[in-house]
């Protein structure tokens, strides 16, 4: 069975875009592959070195991924910092990672431009830590977005360089797990691009949002003055609302409002009210699970310990063999 590794950001709540996109694919993968899903708390320190509530953020992310369907009995879900072998491999890989190639990383250049006062060594070597996360489990498939493809290419570079330097075909090459057509694109409420927290709190519907919060956000969604001719093409901000309705509402509801738009009888207030109620219904089961899991400290502790043990079993084997390949010996 092929091994899949994917990192999970340790900040921010899951929103509908995450849930109907990557997370549902993770849930499917766990039945077909040997999956390792880690909460990347070490990575978060590169841009937020003094987090206000690191543990609370990690807990919330763990709670929401469990509520969304990740099964700790089928997939290994763990906190990155609970597996110290990752940082040991990170150290070994850093010894053969060149400053020039790291400085040419697109994401590094972007981060430097965005945060010129926080250009730290961790930021520079971010791709090396990402490589360690992946090859510590000898993964061959990695679900990544376009913005991470260069990092994955660098992970292959570091793994292949290790193999070449020590004349040992040890690390397999990891490649992007293309979810392509299987990914559902969820637009935001700002009338522009995709749903995401980085676009502003009002752009995203979070799985933990209360019904009242959902209603307020949807009612503030961007609209226009309404159609001026029958069957006219919908502008982006209106198409976004219909795309959201296609995901959370019944087909009959979608057809009803689409017909009203095409006949110039649409009232956006009615559309938004219906969309908000359908979102509330769609997220209710997960919202209830989030509450139940968050209040079960014993279960969360059990999941974290079990996940760390499974991840460390794999990581310790890799580190033991890597040490032997490099030449470390006990006297």
Protein backbone atom coordinates (compact mmCIF):
# COMPACT_ATOMS: atom_id res chain seq x y z
CA UNK A 1 0.00 0.00 0.00
CA UNK A 2 1.41 3.40 -1.00
CA UNK A 3 2.10 5.96 1.70
CA UNK A 4 0.52 9.43 1.62
CA UNK A 5 1.74 12.34 3.78
CA UNK A 6 0.03 15.69 4.14
CA UNK A 7 0.55 18.60 6.48
CA UNK A 8 -2.28 20.47 8.19
CA UNK A 9 -1.89 24.11 9.17
CA UNK A 10 -1.92 24.58 12.93
CA UNK A 11 -3.72 27.92 12.76
CA UNK A 12 -7.20 28.76 11.61
CA UNK A 13 -10.53 26.98 11.63
CA UNK A 14 -11.80 24.69 8.90
CA UNK A 15 -14.20 26.40 6.52
CA UNK A 16 -16.51 25.06 3.82
CA UNK A 17 -13.75 25.42 1.24
CA UNK A 18 -11.44 23.14 3.24
CA UNK A 19 -14.19 20.68 4.04
CA UNK A 20 -15.64 20.16 0.58
CA UNK A 21 -12.17 20.34 -0.96
CA UNK A 22 -9.11 18.73 0.58
CA UNK A 23 -10.63 17.28 3.77
CA UNK A 24 -13.21 15.11 2.03
CA UNK A 25 -10.42 13.80 -0.17
CA UNK A 26 -8.37 13.01 2.94
CA UNK A 27 -11.33 11.05 4.29
CA UNK A 28 -11.45 9.00 1.07
CA UNK A 29 -7.68 8.49 0.99
CA UNK A 30 -7.55 6.99 4.48
CA UNK A 31 -9.45 3.96 3.19
CA UNK A 32 -7.14 3.43 0.21
CA UNK A 33 -3.65 4.45 1.33
CA UNK A 34 -1.32 4.38 4.32
CA UNK A 35 -2.00 7.99 5.39
CA UNK A 36 -0.04 10.28 7.71
CA UNK A 37 -1.73 13.62 8.44
CA UNK A 38 0.30 15.90 10.70
CA UNK A 39 -0.56 19.23 12.32
CA UNK A 40 2.37 21.45 11.36
CA UNK A 41 2.97 23.36 14.59
CA UNK A 42 6.74 23.58 14.02
CA UNK A 43 6.22 25.12 10.59
CA UNK A 44 3.98 27.80 12.09
CA UNK A 45 6.90 29.21 14.10
CA UNK A 46 8.64 30.39 10.93
CA UNK A 47 6.12 33.22 10.55
CA UNK A 48 4.66 33.33 14.09
CA UNK A 49 7.63 32.64 16.42
CA UNK A 50 5.75 33.78 19.55
CA UNK A 51 2.20 32.43 19.12
CA UNK A 52 -0.37 33.60 21.63
CA UNK A 53 -2.04 30.20 22.03
CA UNK A 54 -0.17 27.50 20.11
CA UNK A 55 -1.67 24.61 22.10
CA UNK A 56 -5.20 25.96 21.75
CA UNK A 57 -4.77 26.35 17.99
CA UNK A 58 -3.44 22.80 17.63
CA UNK A 59 -6.29 21.43 19.73
CA UNK A 60 -8.90 23.22 17.61
CA UNK A 61 -7.41 21.91 14.37
CA UNK A 62 -7.26 18.36 15.74
CA UNK A 63 -10.87 18.58 16.94
CA UNK A 64 -12.16 19.86 13.60
CA UNK A 65 -10.34 17.30 11.45
CA UNK A 66 -11.65 14.48 13.64
CA UNK A 67 -15.16 15.96 13.42
CA UNK A 68 -14.81 16.23 9.64
CA UNK A 69 -14.18 12.51 9.29
CA UNK A 70 -10.49 11.68 9.80
CA UNK A 71 -10.48 8.32 11.59
CA UNK A 72 -7.42 7.83 13.87
CA UNK A 73 -7.88 4.06 13.53
CA UNK A 74 -7.50 4.25 9.74
CA UNK A 75 -5.12 7.19 9.27
CA UNK A 76 -2.25 8.38 11.44
CA UNK A 77 -3.07 11.89 12.60
CA UNK A 78 -0.45 13.48 14.83
CA UNK A 79 1.14 16.70 16.01
CA UNK A 80 4.42 17.42 14.23
CA UNK A 81 6.29 18.41 17.41
CA UNK A 82 5.36 15.07 19.04
CA UNK A 83 7.72 13.31 16.62
CA UNK A 84 11.28 14.56 17.37
CA UNK A 85 12.72 12.26 14.71
CA UNK A 86 11.40 14.74 12.14
CA UNK A 87 13.70 17.48 13.45
CA UNK A 88 16.64 15.06 13.52
CA UNK A 89 16.15 14.21 9.86
CA UNK A 90 15.68 17.94 9.19
CA UNK A 91 19.16 18.49 10.68
CA UNK A 92 20.76 15.80 8.51
CA UNK A 93 19.11 17.11 5.35
CA UNK A 94 20.17 20.67 6.20
CA UNK A 95 23.80 19.55 6.06
CA UNK A 96 23.36 18.91 2.34
CA UNK A 97 20.94 21.72 1.45
CA UNK A 98 22.61 24.67 -0.23
CA UNK A 99 21.93 28.26 0.71
CA UNK A 100 21.63 29.35 -2.92
CA UNK A 101 18.90 26.87 -3.78
CA UNK A 102 16.96 27.74 -0.65
CA UNK A 103 17.17 31.47 -1.37
CA UNK A 104 15.75 30.85 -4.86
CA UNK A 105 12.59 29.30 -3.41
CA UNK A 106 9.57 31.27 -4.61
CA UNK A 107 7.81 31.03 -1.25
CA UNK A 108 10.93 32.29 0.56
CA UNK A 109 11.10 35.33 -1.71
CA UNK A 110 7.40 35.98 -1.16
CA UNK A 111 7.74 35.71 2.63
CA UNK A 112 10.75 38.06 2.63
CA UNK A 113 8.77 40.66 0.70
CA UNK A 114 5.77 40.27 3.01
CA UNK A 115 7.75 40.16 6.30
CA UNK A 116 11.12 41.88 5.79
CA UNK A 117 11.63 42.18 9.56
CA UNK A 118 11.31 38.42 10.17
CA UNK A 119 13.71 36.73 7.75
CA UNK A 120 14.82 33.89 9.99
CA UNK A 121 16.77 30.70 9.32
CA UNK A 122 13.64 28.61 9.80
CA UNK A 123 11.94 30.52 7.01
CA UNK A 124 14.91 29.88 4.73
CA UNK A 125 15.01 26.16 5.51
CA UNK A 126 11.23 25.66 5.46
CA UNK A 127 11.48 23.39 2.36
CA UNK A 128 13.98 21.18 4.19
CA UNK A 129 11.62 20.67 7.13
CA UNK A 130 8.82 19.95 4.69
CA UNK A 131 11.05 17.38 2.97
CA UNK A 132 11.78 15.76 6.34
CA UNK A 133 8.04 15.57 7.09
CA UNK A 134 7.49 13.69 3.84
CA UNK A 135 10.44 11.36 3.50
CA UNK A 136 10.55 10.42 7.20
CA UNK A 137 7.67 8.06 6.29
CA UNK A 138 9.11 7.30 2.83
CA UNK A 139 5.94 8.69 1.25
CA UNK A 140 5.38 8.47 -2.48
CA UNK A 141 2.24 10.63 -2.70
CA UNK A 142 1.71 14.13 -1.30
CA UNK A 143 -1.55 16.10 -1.74
CA UNK A 144 -0.33 19.64 -2.43
CA UNK A 145 -1.64 22.79 -4.04
CA UNK A 146 0.11 24.68 -6.81
CA UNK A 147 1.89 26.91 -4.28
CA UNK A 148 3.62 23.90 -2.72
CA UNK A 149 4.74 22.08 -5.87
CA UNK A 150 8.20 23.69 -5.80
CA UNK A 151 8.67 22.50 -2.21
CA UNK A 152 7.76 18.99 -3.27
CA UNK A 153 10.31 19.18 -6.07
CA UNK A 154 12.89 20.23 -3.47
CA UNK A 155 11.89 17.27 -1.28
CA UNK A 156 12.74 14.99 -4.20
CA UNK A 157 16.03 16.86 -4.63
CA UNK A 158 17.03 16.42 -0.98
CA UNK A 159 16.02 12.75 -0.90
CA UNK A 160 17.86 11.99 -4.15
CA UNK A 161 20.91 13.93 -2.96
CA UNK A 162 21.03 11.84 0.21
CA UNK A 163 20.80 8.67 -1.87
CA UNK A 164 23.58 9.84 -4.17
CA UNK A 165 25.93 11.12 -1.45
CA UNK A 166 25.71 7.92 0.56
CA UNK A 167 25.46 5.62 -2.45
CA UNK A 168 22.26 4.06 -1.17
CA UNK A 169 18.90 4.07 -2.96
CA UNK A 170 17.07 4.63 0.32
CA UNK A 171 14.46 7.38 -0.09
CA UNK A 172 11.77 6.95 -2.76
CA UNK A 173 10.70 9.98 -4.79
CA UNK A 174 7.48 11.65 -3.58
CA UNK A 175 5.12 13.05 -6.18
CA UNK A 176 2.06 15.26 -6.06
CA UNK A 177 -1.17 13.46 -5.36
CA UNK A 178 -3.33 15.01 -8.02
CA UNK A 179 -6.86 15.47 -6.72
CA UNK A 180 -7.63 17.62 -9.78
CA UNK A 181 -11.20 16.90 -10.89
CA UNK A 182 -12.08 15.48 -7.47
CA UNK A 183 -11.57 18.83 -5.75
CA UNK A 184 -14.69 20.92 -5.26
CA UNK A 185 -13.95 24.62 -5.65
CA UNK A 186 -15.82 26.62 -3.00
CA UNK A 187 -16.08 30.37 -3.68
CA UNK A 188 -15.98 32.98 -0.96
CA UNK A 189 -18.59 35.52 0.04
CA UNK A 190 -16.56 38.53 -1.08
CA UNK A 191 -17.60 38.15 -4.70
CA UNK A 192 -14.06 37.42 -5.89
CA UNK A 193 -12.06 34.23 -5.55
CA UNK A 194 -12.11 31.11 -3.43
CA UNK A 195 -13.20 30.86 0.18
CA UNK A 196 -10.35 31.39 2.61
CA UNK A 197 -9.52 32.96 5.94
CA UNK A 198 -6.70 34.98 4.40
CA UNK A 199 -9.30 36.91 2.39
CA UNK A 200 -10.95 38.17 5.59
CA UNK A 201 -13.16 36.63 8.27
CA UNK A 202 -16.35 37.57 6.43
CA UNK A 203 -15.31 35.68 3.30
CA UNK A 204 -15.48 32.22 4.85
CA UNK A 205 -18.10 30.08 6.58
CA UNK A 206 -16.33 28.09 9.28
CA UNK A 207 -17.55 24.66 10.36
CA UNK A 208 -17.68 25.91 13.96
CA UNK A 209 -19.69 29.07 13.12
CA UNK A 210 -22.96 29.44 15.01
CA UNK A 211 -26.19 29.65 12.99
CA UNK A 212 -26.42 33.36 13.77
CA UNK A 213 -22.85 33.97 12.56
CA UNK A 214 -23.62 32.12 9.33
CA UNK A 215 -26.75 34.20 8.73
CA UNK A 216 -24.88 37.47 9.30
CA UNK A 217 -22.03 36.52 6.95
CA UNK A 218 -24.28 35.33 4.14
CA UNK A 219 -26.55 38.37 4.34
CA UNK A 220 -23.47 40.58 3.91
CA UNK A 221 -22.31 38.70 0.81
CA UNK A 222 -21.58 40.87 -2.22
CA UNK A 223 -24.38 41.18 -4.81
CA UNK A 224 -25.28 43.58 -7.64
CA UNK A 225 -28.38 45.52 -8.69
CA UNK A 226 -30.01 42.46 -10.25
CA UNK A 227 -30.41 41.18 -13.84
CA UNK A 228 -31.52 43.64 -16.48
CA UNK A 229 -32.38 41.15 -19.22
CA UNK A 230 -33.74 37.61 -19.19
CA UNK A 231 -31.26 34.71 -19.17
CA UNK A 232 -28.28 37.02 -18.88
CA UNK A 233 -24.93 35.67 -17.75
CA UNK A 234 -24.41 35.95 -14.00
CA UNK A 235 -21.58 38.22 -12.85
CA UNK A 236 -18.92 36.57 -10.69
CA UNK A 237 -20.30 37.65 -7.31
CA UNK A 238 -23.74 36.26 -8.14
CA UNK A 239 -22.38 33.09 -9.71
CA UNK A 240 -20.46 32.51 -6.48
CA UNK A 241 -23.71 32.46 -4.48
CA UNK A 242 -25.28 30.02 -6.92
CA UNK A 243 -22.17 27.83 -6.79
CA UNK A 244 -22.44 27.73 -3.00
CA UNK A 245 -26.13 26.86 -3.29
CA UNK A 246 -25.23 24.03 -5.65
CA UNK A 247 -23.12 22.51 -2.87
CA UNK A 248 -25.36 22.91 0.20
CA UNK A 249 -28.93 23.18 -1.15
CA UNK A 250 -31.25 20.68 -2.79
CA UNK A 251 -31.37 20.58 -6.62
CA UNK A 252 -34.97 21.86 -6.51
CA UNK A 253 -33.92 24.90 -4.51
CA UNK A 254 -31.14 25.70 -6.96
CA UNK A 255 -33.46 25.34 -9.95
CA UNK A 256 -36.07 27.57 -8.27
CA UNK A 257 -33.71 30.50 -7.70
CA UNK A 258 -31.95 30.02 -11.03
CA UNK A 259 -35.34 30.33 -12.71
CA UNK A 260 -36.11 33.50 -10.77
CA UNK A 261 -32.81 35.00 -11.87
CA UNK A 262 -33.34 34.10 -15.52
CA UNK A 263 -36.84 35.64 -15.47
CA UNK A 264 -35.58 38.78 -13.63
CA UNK A 265 -37.74 37.94 -10.62
CA UNK A 266 -34.85 37.28 -8.22
CA UNK A 267 -34.76 38.92 -4.80
CA UNK A 268 -31.25 38.56 -3.41
CA UNK A 269 -32.47 38.84 0.16
CA UNK A 270 -34.60 35.72 -0.29
CA UNK A 271 -31.72 33.92 -2.01
CA UNK A 272 -29.34 34.73 0.83
CA UNK A 273 -31.81 33.72 3.53
CA UNK A 274 -32.34 30.34 1.86
CA UNK A 275 -28.59 29.85 1.32
CA UNK A 276 -27.84 30.66 4.96
CA UNK A 277 -30.43 28.19 6.27
CA UNK A 278 -29.13 25.47 3.94
CA UNK A 279 -25.57 26.12 5.14
CA UNK A 280 -26.73 25.84 8.74
CA UNK A 281 -28.37 22.49 8.02
CA UNK A 282 -25.32 21.23 6.07
CA UNK A 283 -22.84 22.11 8.83
CA UNK A 284 -24.97 21.15 11.84
CA UNK A 285 -23.75 17.52 12.19
CA UNK A 286 -20.10 18.61 12.08
CA UNK A 287 -20.73 21.56 14.39
CA UNK A 288 -22.26 19.17 16.96
CA UNK A 289 -19.31 16.78 16.61
CA UNK A 290 -16.86 19.66 17.10
CA UNK A 291 -18.57 20.56 20.36
CA UNK A 292 -18.67 16.95 21.58
CA UNK A 293 -15.03 16.20 20.74
CA UNK A 294 -13.74 19.51 22.12
CA UNK A 295 -15.36 18.68 25.46
CA UNK A 296 -13.86 15.18 25.61
CA UNK A 297 -10.33 15.84 26.87
CA UNK A 298 -9.65 12.15 27.50
CA UNK A 299 -10.48 11.20 23.91
CA UNK A 300 -8.34 13.99 22.48
CA UNK A 301 -5.41 12.96 24.66
CA UNK A 302 -5.84 9.36 23.55
CA UNK A 303 -5.91 10.34 19.87
CA UNK A 304 -2.80 12.53 20.19
CA UNK A 305 -0.82 9.86 22.07
CA UNK A 306 -1.91 7.08 19.70
CA UNK A 307 -1.11 9.17 16.62
CA UNK A 308 2.31 10.15 17.94
CA UNK A 309 3.13 6.51 18.75
CA UNK A 310 2.17 5.34 15.24
CA UNK A 311 4.09 8.17 13.58
CA UNK A 312 7.16 7.63 15.77
CA UNK A 313 7.22 3.92 15.00
CA UNK A 314 7.62 4.77 11.31
CA UNK A 315 9.97 7.71 11.94
CA UNK A 316 12.23 5.83 14.36
CA UNK A 317 12.78 3.07 11.81
CA UNK A 318 13.79 5.66 9.21
CA UNK A 319 16.14 7.51 11.57
CA UNK A 320 17.75 4.27 12.73
CA UNK A 321 18.47 3.31 9.12
CA UNK A 322 19.56 6.84 8.12
CA UNK A 323 22.04 6.95 11.00
CA UNK A 324 23.47 3.64 9.91
CA UNK A 325 23.77 4.82 6.29
CA UNK A 326 25.52 8.04 7.34
CA UNK A 327 27.89 6.14 9.61
CA UNK A 328 26.80 6.88 13.17
CA UNK A 329 27.75 3.99 15.45
CA UNK A 330 27.51 3.47 19.19
CA UNK A 331 30.72 2.49 21.00
